[in-house]
């Protein structure tokens, strides 16, 4: 008997925090993982979910509809994967200013990469799933948790197979 691929992916998310290996064949880092994003904020990645927008049974697919690109305001409804990363953040160093993932080392913000940061359309009933991370005020001690979400076009991945492998997310 062959296991249902989506059931295997759902189980992987529950037990490992990620379905990266089951979805893309890439060995993930062990979760939870502390990541280095500079001295101001302690960052822990505890979930990493790959959602196939073309597979209605893909894990969390129903919660990833009506995603809008922050780059060009286009909708991602098919021909793409969504990668949802759940982070826990805590102020490590009180200082002035704000801190956010924008402009960070996860992926560059350009259309040529095939990666787009996304957010749920405000009219989408599923928008409560992605409690998106917002900027942190560094002038006070605080912690927050939330999702950082990006869409990756399948045509880009076909042309750039190594894009499935990011030093942050794969086990080396």
Protein backbone atom coordinates (compact mmCIF):
# COMPACT_ATOMS: atom_id res chain seq x y z
CA UNK A 1 0.00 0.00 0.00
CA UNK A 2 1.33 3.43 -0.96
CA UNK A 3 1.02 6.23 1.58
CA UNK A 4 -0.93 9.31 0.55
CA UNK A 5 1.67 12.03 -0.16
CA UNK A 6 -0.41 14.74 1.50
CA UNK A 7 -0.99 12.61 4.61
CA UNK A 8 2.78 12.07 4.82
CA UNK A 9 3.37 15.82 4.47
CA UNK A 10 0.81 16.63 7.16
CA UNK A 11 2.43 14.13 9.52
CA UNK A 12 5.86 15.63 8.82
CA UNK A 13 4.57 19.10 9.72
CA UNK A 14 3.17 17.78 13.00
CA UNK A 15 6.24 15.76 14.00
CA UNK A 16 9.15 17.69 12.44
CA UNK A 17 7.67 21.17 12.00
CA UNK A 18 8.25 21.02 8.24
CA UNK A 19 7.32 19.15 5.08
CA UNK A 20 10.28 20.50 3.09
CA UNK A 21 11.82 17.07 2.50
CA UNK A 22 8.50 15.45 1.60
CA UNK A 23 7.47 18.28 -0.74
CA UNK A 24 10.80 19.13 -2.41
CA UNK A 25 13.24 16.38 -1.46
CA UNK A 26 15.47 18.84 0.43
CA UNK A 27 16.76 17.80 3.86
CA UNK A 28 15.67 20.56 6.26
CA UNK A 29 17.50 21.93 9.25
CA UNK A 30 16.25 20.53 12.56
CA UNK A 31 13.45 22.64 14.00
CA UNK A 32 13.19 24.63 16.13
CA UNK A 33 16.33 26.42 14.96
CA UNK A 34 17.91 29.62 16.19
CA UNK A 35 18.92 31.79 13.23
CA UNK A 36 21.36 34.69 13.13
CA UNK A 37 19.66 37.85 11.93
CA UNK A 38 21.90 40.25 13.78
CA UNK A 39 22.37 41.29 17.40
CA UNK A 40 19.10 43.19 17.93
CA UNK A 41 16.65 40.28 17.81
CA UNK A 42 16.78 36.60 18.78
CA UNK A 43 15.09 34.65 15.96
CA UNK A 44 13.80 31.07 16.20
CA UNK A 45 12.26 29.27 13.23
CA UNK A 46 9.86 26.58 14.43
CA UNK A 47 7.72 25.73 11.37
CA UNK A 48 8.39 25.70 7.65
CA UNK A 49 5.50 24.64 5.42
CA UNK A 50 5.59 24.19 1.64
CA UNK A 51 2.13 24.54 0.08
CA UNK A 52 1.46 23.51 -3.53
CA UNK A 53 -1.18 25.91 -4.85
CA UNK A 54 -2.06 23.48 -7.66
CA UNK A 55 -2.88 20.62 -5.29
CA UNK A 56 -6.19 21.17 -3.46
CA UNK A 57 -5.12 18.55 -0.87
CA UNK A 58 -1.72 20.11 -0.18
CA UNK A 59 -1.17 20.82 3.52
CA UNK A 60 -2.75 24.11 4.55
CA UNK A 61 -3.76 24.84 0.93
CA UNK A 62 -7.21 26.15 1.89
CA UNK A 63 -5.58 28.68 4.18
CA UNK A 64 -3.24 29.97 1.47
CA UNK A 65 -5.76 31.30 -1.02
CA UNK A 66 -5.91 34.86 -2.30
CA UNK A 67 -2.28 35.61 -1.58
CA UNK A 68 -1.19 38.96 -2.98
CA UNK A 69 2.38 39.80 -3.99
CA UNK A 70 3.86 42.76 -2.16
CA UNK A 71 5.99 43.41 -5.25
CA UNK A 72 3.38 43.84 -7.96
CA UNK A 73 -0.01 43.23 -6.26
CA UNK A 74 -0.64 40.14 -8.40
CA UNK A 75 -2.55 37.20 -6.95
CA UNK A 76 -0.96 33.79 -6.47
CA UNK A 77 -3.64 31.16 -7.06
CA UNK A 78 -1.81 28.56 -9.16
CA UNK A 79 1.53 27.66 -10.74
CA UNK A 80 3.34 28.47 -7.50
CA UNK A 81 4.44 27.16 -4.15
CA UNK A 82 3.90 29.08 -0.97
CA UNK A 83 6.55 28.74 1.71
CA UNK A 84 5.26 29.78 5.12
CA UNK A 85 7.87 30.23 7.84
CA UNK A 86 6.78 30.59 11.46
CA UNK A 87 9.14 32.57 13.66
CA UNK A 88 9.40 33.52 17.31
CA UNK A 89 11.21 36.81 17.90
CA UNK A 90 12.53 38.41 21.06
CA UNK A 91 14.34 41.68 21.59
CA UNK A 92 17.95 40.84 22.39
CA UNK A 93 19.38 44.33 22.59
CA UNK A 94 17.46 47.45 23.54
CA UNK A 95 18.31 50.21 21.08
CA UNK A 96 16.65 52.86 18.96
CA UNK A 97 14.83 52.12 15.75
CA UNK A 98 12.80 49.30 14.28
CA UNK A 99 13.68 45.79 13.08
CA UNK A 100 11.92 43.74 10.41
CA UNK A 101 12.52 40.95 7.93
CA UNK A 102 12.24 43.38 5.00
CA UNK A 103 15.62 43.58 3.34
CA UNK A 104 16.91 40.62 5.32
CA UNK A 105 18.87 37.58 4.23
CA UNK A 106 15.95 35.23 3.48
CA UNK A 107 15.50 36.28 -0.14
CA UNK A 108 16.18 39.43 -2.10
CA UNK A 109 13.20 41.61 -2.97
CA UNK A 110 13.35 41.58 -6.76
CA UNK A 111 11.00 40.20 -9.39
CA UNK A 112 13.85 38.36 -11.13
CA UNK A 113 14.16 35.83 -8.32
CA UNK A 114 10.71 34.33 -8.71
CA UNK A 115 10.20 34.91 -4.97
CA UNK A 116 7.53 37.33 -3.76
CA UNK A 117 6.61 38.21 -0.20
CA UNK A 118 2.89 37.80 0.06
CA UNK A 119 -0.02 38.70 2.30
CA UNK A 120 -3.62 37.52 2.41
CA UNK A 121 -6.20 39.67 0.71
CA UNK A 122 -8.12 41.46 3.48
CA UNK A 123 -11.41 40.11 2.12
CA UNK A 124 -10.18 36.53 2.34
CA UNK A 125 -11.96 34.56 5.06
CA UNK A 126 -8.78 32.52 5.58
CA UNK A 127 -6.62 35.57 6.29
CA UNK A 128 -6.52 34.79 10.02
CA UNK A 129 -4.20 31.84 9.33
CA UNK A 130 -1.17 33.96 8.55
CA UNK A 131 -0.52 36.12 11.56
CA UNK A 132 2.16 37.96 9.60
CA UNK A 133 5.23 39.28 11.35
CA UNK A 134 5.36 43.01 11.73
CA UNK A 135 8.28 45.27 12.55
CA UNK A 136 9.59 45.32 16.12
CA UNK A 137 10.24 48.49 18.10
CA UNK A 138 13.74 47.95 19.50
CA UNK A 139 13.33 50.55 22.26
CA UNK A 140 11.59 48.05 24.55
CA UNK A 141 11.86 44.40 25.52
CA UNK A 142 9.25 42.37 23.68
CA UNK A 143 8.57 39.09 21.99
CA UNK A 144 6.28 38.21 19.13
CA UNK A 145 5.52 35.32 16.87
CA UNK A 146 4.13 35.11 13.39
CA UNK A 147 4.52 34.00 9.81
CA UNK A 148 6.77 35.20 7.05
CA UNK A 149 5.23 34.06 3.78
CA UNK A 150 6.57 33.97 0.25
CA UNK A 151 5.36 32.56 -3.06
CA UNK A 152 7.74 30.99 -5.55
CA UNK A 153 6.64 30.49 -9.12
CA UNK A 154 6.97 26.93 -10.39
CA UNK A 155 8.46 28.09 -13.68
CA UNK A 156 11.24 29.84 -11.75
CA UNK A 157 11.96 26.69 -9.76
CA UNK A 158 12.09 24.61 -12.94
CA UNK A 159 14.74 26.95 -14.33
CA UNK A 160 16.63 27.33 -11.02
CA UNK A 161 16.53 23.99 -9.19
CA UNK A 162 19.03 25.18 -6.59
CA UNK A 163 16.47 27.76 -5.41
CA UNK A 164 14.82 24.99 -3.41
CA UNK A 165 17.98 24.90 -1.34
CA UNK A 166 18.64 27.80 0.94
CA UNK A 167 21.46 27.75 3.47
CA UNK A 168 18.95 28.81 6.14
CA UNK A 169 16.60 25.93 5.60
CA UNK A 170 18.52 22.91 4.40
CA UNK A 171 20.70 20.64 6.48
CA UNK A 172 24.31 20.88 5.32
